[in-house]
């Protein structure tokens, strides 16, 4: 198991001024960071990768589809082309960063709805795009970890049953799924069964409490989930994902309007201790 942390708790664009906070993570037991790739130039992520090498931290990324005007599953060919271009840019950044995985909900725009579930055309457009992206990721020693979201954030992928069928549709060994315990807490009736269903196709496992705060302070049964992960032989990233109200852009996207942890030191240290102890006991 490798312990990671999604840096969206700090910022939506990692810069040099964030490195002091990031530098403390290795001493607290983190093996790496999940870097948000939402904006910026490829050259920026290449420089950041060198900085993270110096800190001894591995990395993955998280990316989204930022707007309905660049939607890779749109029925409009011009919109779809802009979406594919955006996905290529996000993967270029992840490659430059030296990431193991490009993760996140890079399937459809967050908060965009059609009044129905994904139709056959959208699923085909998405699978074609993600197969091509996975091919390029694999050529660079990476994999994709696509993230289903809860029904209030997307209509495209919500459950592990849908994700299982979508993995089969994409049909590429470098295409995997990001399992997020916050979203699963909304959508899955039996989370442990959902983990078994997606099984070997988990690329990254997001450890996120039911309120998006410090894991272990809420009601999600992480011990039971970690037990299943060990049973299926998962030995990849367990990545903390927590959000606060201190970053307006992130608070708006995640609908977090109140502080969910007292300070970064508490979030970093308590979470690392909880995840490692719970994994060891599972």
Protein backbone atom coordinates (compact mmCIF):
# COMPACT_ATOMS: atom_id res chain seq x y z
CA UNK A 1 0.00 0.00 0.00
CA UNK A 2 1.12 3.54 -0.80
CA UNK A 3 -0.31 6.44 1.19
CA UNK A 4 -1.20 9.53 -0.82
CA UNK A 5 -3.01 12.82 -0.36
CA UNK A 6 -5.06 14.83 -2.83
CA UNK A 7 -3.63 18.36 -2.78
CA UNK A 8 -7.01 19.97 -3.46
CA UNK A 9 -7.16 20.41 0.32
CA UNK A 10 -4.41 23.02 -0.22
CA UNK A 11 -5.01 24.48 -3.66
CA UNK A 12 -6.36 23.91 -7.15
CA UNK A 13 -2.98 24.90 -8.67
CA UNK A 14 0.20 23.76 -6.95
CA UNK A 15 2.95 26.39 -6.97
CA UNK A 16 6.32 26.87 -5.28
CA UNK A 17 4.66 28.59 -2.31
CA UNK A 18 2.92 25.32 -1.45
CA UNK A 19 6.11 23.26 -1.26
CA UNK A 20 6.75 23.93 2.44
CA UNK A 21 3.41 22.32 3.33
CA UNK A 22 3.96 19.51 0.85
CA UNK A 23 7.47 18.89 2.14
CA UNK A 24 6.11 17.92 5.57
CA UNK A 25 4.09 15.08 4.12
CA UNK A 26 6.97 12.65 3.67
CA UNK A 27 7.92 12.95 7.35
CA UNK A 28 4.31 12.19 8.30
CA UNK A 29 4.36 8.92 6.37
CA UNK A 30 2.92 9.90 2.99
CA UNK A 31 4.46 8.23 -0.04
CA UNK A 32 3.09 10.66 -2.59
CA UNK A 33 0.63 13.33 -3.63
CA UNK A 34 -2.30 13.58 -6.01
CA UNK A 35 -1.77 16.79 -7.95
CA UNK A 36 -4.76 18.68 -9.37
CA UNK A 37 -4.26 19.28 -13.10
CA UNK A 38 -6.97 21.82 -13.83
CA UNK A 39 -5.01 24.63 -15.49
CA UNK A 40 -1.50 25.67 -16.46
CA UNK A 41 1.19 24.72 -18.95
CA UNK A 42 2.87 21.36 -19.42
CA UNK A 43 6.21 22.98 -18.55
CA UNK A 44 4.87 23.93 -15.12
CA UNK A 45 4.14 20.29 -14.27
CA UNK A 46 7.54 19.21 -15.55
CA UNK A 47 9.19 21.64 -13.08
CA UNK A 48 6.85 20.52 -10.30
CA UNK A 49 7.77 16.90 -10.96
CA UNK A 50 11.42 17.71 -10.38
CA UNK A 51 10.54 19.44 -7.10
CA UNK A 52 8.55 16.42 -5.94
CA UNK A 53 11.43 14.14 -6.90
CA UNK A 54 13.60 16.22 -4.59
CA UNK A 55 11.08 15.75 -1.78
CA UNK A 56 10.96 11.99 -2.35
CA UNK A 57 7.25 11.98 -3.17
CA UNK A 58 5.53 9.91 -5.85
CA UNK A 59 2.52 11.33 -7.62
CA UNK A 60 -0.72 10.83 -9.44
CA UNK A 61 -3.04 13.47 -10.85
CA UNK A 62 -6.69 14.39 -10.79
CA UNK A 63 -8.42 16.12 -13.70
CA UNK A 64 -11.94 17.02 -14.77
CA UNK A 65 -13.93 18.07 -17.81
CA UNK A 66 -14.12 21.80 -17.05
CA UNK A 67 -17.05 22.94 -19.20
CA UNK A 68 -19.91 21.63 -21.36
CA UNK A 69 -18.22 23.41 -24.28
CA UNK A 70 -15.33 20.89 -24.13
CA UNK A 71 -17.27 17.72 -23.43
CA UNK A 72 -15.71 14.49 -24.79
CA UNK A 73 -19.08 12.69 -24.73
CA UNK A 74 -21.09 15.41 -26.50
CA UNK A 75 -23.18 14.57 -29.54
CA UNK A 76 -21.75 17.71 -31.19
CA UNK A 77 -18.55 16.80 -33.04
CA UNK A 78 -16.91 20.21 -32.51
CA UNK A 79 -17.61 20.15 -28.78
CA UNK A 80 -16.34 16.59 -28.61
CA UNK A 81 -13.13 17.55 -30.41
CA UNK A 82 -12.47 20.27 -27.83
CA UNK A 83 -13.08 17.71 -25.10
CA UNK A 84 -10.57 15.30 -26.61
CA UNK A 85 -8.03 18.11 -26.88
CA UNK A 86 -8.54 18.89 -23.19
CA UNK A 87 -8.00 15.23 -22.22
CA UNK A 88 -4.79 15.13 -24.27
CA UNK A 89 -3.56 18.28 -22.48
CA UNK A 90 -4.34 16.76 -19.07
CA UNK A 91 -2.44 13.60 -19.94
CA UNK A 92 0.48 15.63 -21.30
CA UNK A 93 0.68 17.39 -17.93
CA UNK A 94 0.50 14.10 -16.02
CA UNK A 95 3.28 12.61 -18.16
CA UNK A 96 5.44 15.69 -17.60
CA UNK A 97 4.80 15.46 -13.85
CA UNK A 98 5.95 11.85 -13.77
CA UNK A 99 2.58 10.61 -12.51
CA UNK A 100 1.69 6.94 -12.16
CA UNK A 101 -2.01 7.58 -12.75
CA UNK A 102 -4.22 10.23 -14.31
CA UNK A 103 -7.38 10.16 -12.23
CA UNK A 104 -10.57 12.05 -11.59
CA UNK A 105 -13.97 12.44 -13.30
CA UNK A 106 -12.66 13.21 -16.80
CA UNK A 107 -15.76 11.79 -18.45
CA UNK A 108 -18.41 14.54 -18.40
CA UNK A 109 -18.61 18.07 -16.94
CA UNK A 110 -19.31 18.15 -13.20
CA UNK A 111 -22.75 19.59 -12.49
CA UNK A 112 -23.92 19.21 -16.10
CA UNK A 113 -27.11 17.17 -16.57
CA UNK A 114 -29.32 16.10 -19.45
CA UNK A 115 -32.35 14.92 -17.48
CA UNK A 116 -31.48 11.24 -18.08
CA UNK A 117 -28.68 8.75 -17.69
CA UNK A 118 -25.90 8.31 -20.22
CA UNK A 119 -27.20 7.05 -23.56
CA UNK A 120 -25.56 4.64 -25.97
CA UNK A 121 -23.97 7.37 -28.10
CA UNK A 122 -22.43 9.07 -25.07
CA UNK A 123 -21.08 5.79 -23.76
CA UNK A 124 -19.56 5.02 -27.16
CA UNK A 125 -17.97 8.47 -27.49
CA UNK A 126 -16.59 8.20 -23.97
CA UNK A 127 -15.24 4.69 -24.43
CA UNK A 128 -13.55 5.62 -27.72
CA UNK A 129 -11.93 8.66 -26.09
CA UNK A 130 -10.80 6.78 -23.02
CA UNK A 131 -9.45 3.83 -25.00
CA UNK A 132 -7.27 6.15 -27.07
CA UNK A 133 -6.16 7.99 -23.93
CA UNK A 134 -5.35 4.71 -22.17
CA UNK A 135 -3.26 3.63 -25.15
CA UNK A 136 -1.15 6.77 -24.85
CA UNK A 137 -0.97 6.49 -21.05
CA UNK A 138 0.30 2.91 -21.32
CA UNK A 139 2.98 3.97 -23.81
CA UNK A 140 4.25 6.33 -21.11
CA UNK A 141 4.16 3.80 -18.27
CA UNK A 142 0.93 5.14 -16.76
CA UNK A 143 -2.66 4.10 -16.28
CA UNK A 144 -5.95 5.99 -16.11
CA UNK A 145 -8.18 5.96 -12.99
CA UNK A 146 -11.59 7.29 -14.02
CA UNK A 147 -13.77 8.43 -11.12
CA UNK A 148 -17.52 7.79 -10.91
CA UNK A 149 -19.32 10.53 -8.98
CA UNK A 150 -22.58 10.62 -7.06
CA UNK A 151 -25.82 11.41 -8.86
CA UNK A 152 -25.80 15.04 -7.71
CA UNK A 153 -22.52 15.72 -9.54
CA UNK A 154 -22.86 13.72 -12.78
CA UNK A 155 -25.25 11.57 -14.76
CA UNK A 156 -22.55 9.66 -16.64
CA UNK A 157 -21.08 7.17 -14.11
CA UNK A 158 -22.44 6.78 -10.57
CA UNK A 159 -22.02 3.17 -9.43
CA UNK A 160 -19.45 0.41 -9.57
CA UNK A 161 -21.93 -1.69 -11.55
CA UNK A 162 -21.90 1.01 -14.23
CA UNK A 163 -18.13 1.34 -13.90
CA UNK A 164 -17.69 -2.44 -14.34
CA UNK A 165 -19.63 -2.33 -17.61
CA UNK A 166 -17.73 0.75 -18.75
CA UNK A 167 -14.33 -0.85 -18.08
CA UNK A 168 -15.40 -3.77 -20.24
CA UNK A 169 -16.54 -1.36 -22.95
CA UNK A 170 -13.26 0.60 -22.97
CA UNK A 171 -11.36 -2.69 -23.02
CA UNK A 172 -7.81 -1.53 -22.33
CA UNK A 173 -5.53 -2.83 -19.55
CA UNK A 174 -4.36 0.70 -18.71
CA UNK A 175 -7.94 1.88 -18.13
CA UNK A 176 -8.96 1.56 -14.48
CA UNK A 177 -11.42 3.07 -12.00
CA UNK A 178 -10.94 5.39 -9.05
CA UNK A 179 -13.06 4.15 -6.13
CA UNK A 180 -14.05 7.07 -3.91
CA UNK A 181 -15.62 6.27 -0.54
CA UNK A 182 -17.54 9.56 -0.37
CA UNK A 183 -19.36 8.96 -3.65
CA UNK A 184 -19.83 5.27 -2.87
CA UNK A 185 -21.38 6.24 0.46
CA UNK A 186 -24.17 7.89 -1.55
CA UNK A 187 -24.55 5.35 -4.34
CA UNK A 188 -23.57 1.87 -3.15
CA UNK A 189 -25.92 -0.20 -1.01
CA UNK A 190 -23.09 -2.58 -0.06
CA UNK A 191 -19.69 -0.90 -0.47
CA UNK A 192 -17.69 -4.05 0.21
CA UNK A 193 -19.54 -5.88 -2.57
CA UNK A 194 -18.99 -2.90 -4.87
CA UNK A 195 -15.24 -3.08 -4.23
CA UNK A 196 -15.23 -6.78 -5.07
CA UNK A 197 -17.21 -6.09 -8.26
CA UNK A 198 -14.66 -3.62 -9.62
CA UNK A 199 -11.85 -5.71 -8.13
CA UNK A 200 -8.59 -5.73 -10.07
CA UNK A 201 -9.65 -2.65 -12.04
CA UNK A 202 -9.23 -0.24 -9.12
CA UNK A 203 -6.47 2.18 -10.12
CA UNK A 204 -6.60 4.50 -7.09
CA UNK A 205 -8.64 4.21 -3.89
CA UNK A 206 -9.83 7.54 -2.47
CA UNK A 207 -10.18 7.60 1.32
CA UNK A 208 -12.83 10.26 1.86
CA UNK A 209 -15.07 10.56 4.91
CA UNK A 210 -18.84 10.95 4.60
CA UNK A 211 -18.58 14.71 5.31
CA UNK A 212 -15.31 15.18 3.34
CA UNK A 213 -13.41 15.83 6.58
CA UNK A 214 -10.80 13.82 8.48
CA UNK A 215 -11.25 10.05 7.94
CA UNK A 216 -12.17 8.20 11.08
CA UNK A 217 -14.30 11.02 12.47
CA UNK A 218 -17.38 10.05 10.47
CA UNK A 219 -19.38 6.90 9.88
CA UNK A 220 -17.69 5.23 6.90
CA UNK A 221 -16.42 1.75 7.77
CA UNK A 222 -12.93 1.98 6.34
CA UNK A 223 -11.74 -1.13 8.17
CA UNK A 224 -14.26 -3.32 6.38
CA UNK A 225 -13.30 -1.82 3.01
CA UNK A 226 -9.58 -2.22 3.62
CA UNK A 227 -10.17 -5.86 4.52
CA UNK A 228 -11.81 -6.42 1.14
CA UNK A 229 -9.00 -4.54 -0.63
CA UNK A 230 -6.48 -6.87 0.97
CA UNK A 231 -8.57 -9.91 0.05
CA UNK A 232 -8.58 -8.93 -3.64
CA UNK A 233 -4.85 -8.18 -3.54
CA UNK A 234 -4.99 -4.40 -3.92
CA UNK A 235 -1.64 -2.84 -3.10
CA UNK A 236 -1.88 0.57 -4.77
CA UNK A 237 -2.60 4.11 -3.65
CA UNK A 238 -4.80 4.84 -0.64
CA UNK A 239 -5.24 8.55 -1.22
CA UNK A 240 -6.74 10.88 1.35
CA UNK A 241 -9.28 13.28 -0.12
CA UNK A 242 -10.57 15.97 2.22
CA UNK A 243 -11.91 19.45 1.56
CA UNK A 244 -12.35 22.60 3.60
CA UNK A 245 -14.07 25.92 3.11
CA UNK A 246 -10.86 27.94 2.82
CA UNK A 247 -10.62 27.85 -0.97
CA UNK A 248 -13.70 29.48 -2.56
CA UNK A 249 -13.27 27.83 -5.98
CA UNK A 250 -12.98 24.37 -4.43
CA UNK A 251 -15.71 25.02 -1.86
CA UNK A 252 -18.09 25.97 -4.66
CA UNK A 253 -17.29 22.83 -6.65
CA UNK A 254 -17.53 20.48 -3.65
CA UNK A 255 -20.37 22.29 -1.82
CA UNK A 256 -18.31 22.53 1.37
CA UNK A 257 -19.35 25.64 3.27
CA UNK A 258 -17.87 25.02 6.73
CA UNK A 259 -14.46 24.07 8.16
CA UNK A 260 -14.05 20.29 8.25
CA UNK A 261 -10.62 20.23 9.91
CA UNK A 262 -9.02 22.69 12.36
CA UNK A 263 -5.73 23.11 10.47
CA UNK A 264 -3.53 21.35 7.92
CA UNK A 265 -1.23 19.83 10.54
CA UNK A 266 -4.17 18.05 12.16
CA UNK A 267 -5.57 16.92 8.82
CA UNK A 268 -2.22 15.61 7.59
CA UNK A 269 -1.08 13.84 10.75
CA UNK A 270 -4.38 12.43 12.05
CA UNK A 271 -5.35 11.14 8.62
CA UNK A 272 -2.00 9.46 7.99
CA UNK A 273 -2.09 7.75 11.39
CA UNK A 274 -5.69 6.60 10.94
CA UNK A 275 -5.23 5.21 7.44
CA UNK A 276 -2.01 3.34 8.23
CA UNK A 277 -3.34 1.88 11.50
CA UNK A 278 -6.64 0.87 9.94
CA UNK A 279 -4.88 -0.76 6.98
CA UNK A 280 -2.51 -2.65 9.27
CA UNK A 281 -5.43 -3.94 11.37
CA UNK A 282 -7.57 -4.99 8.40
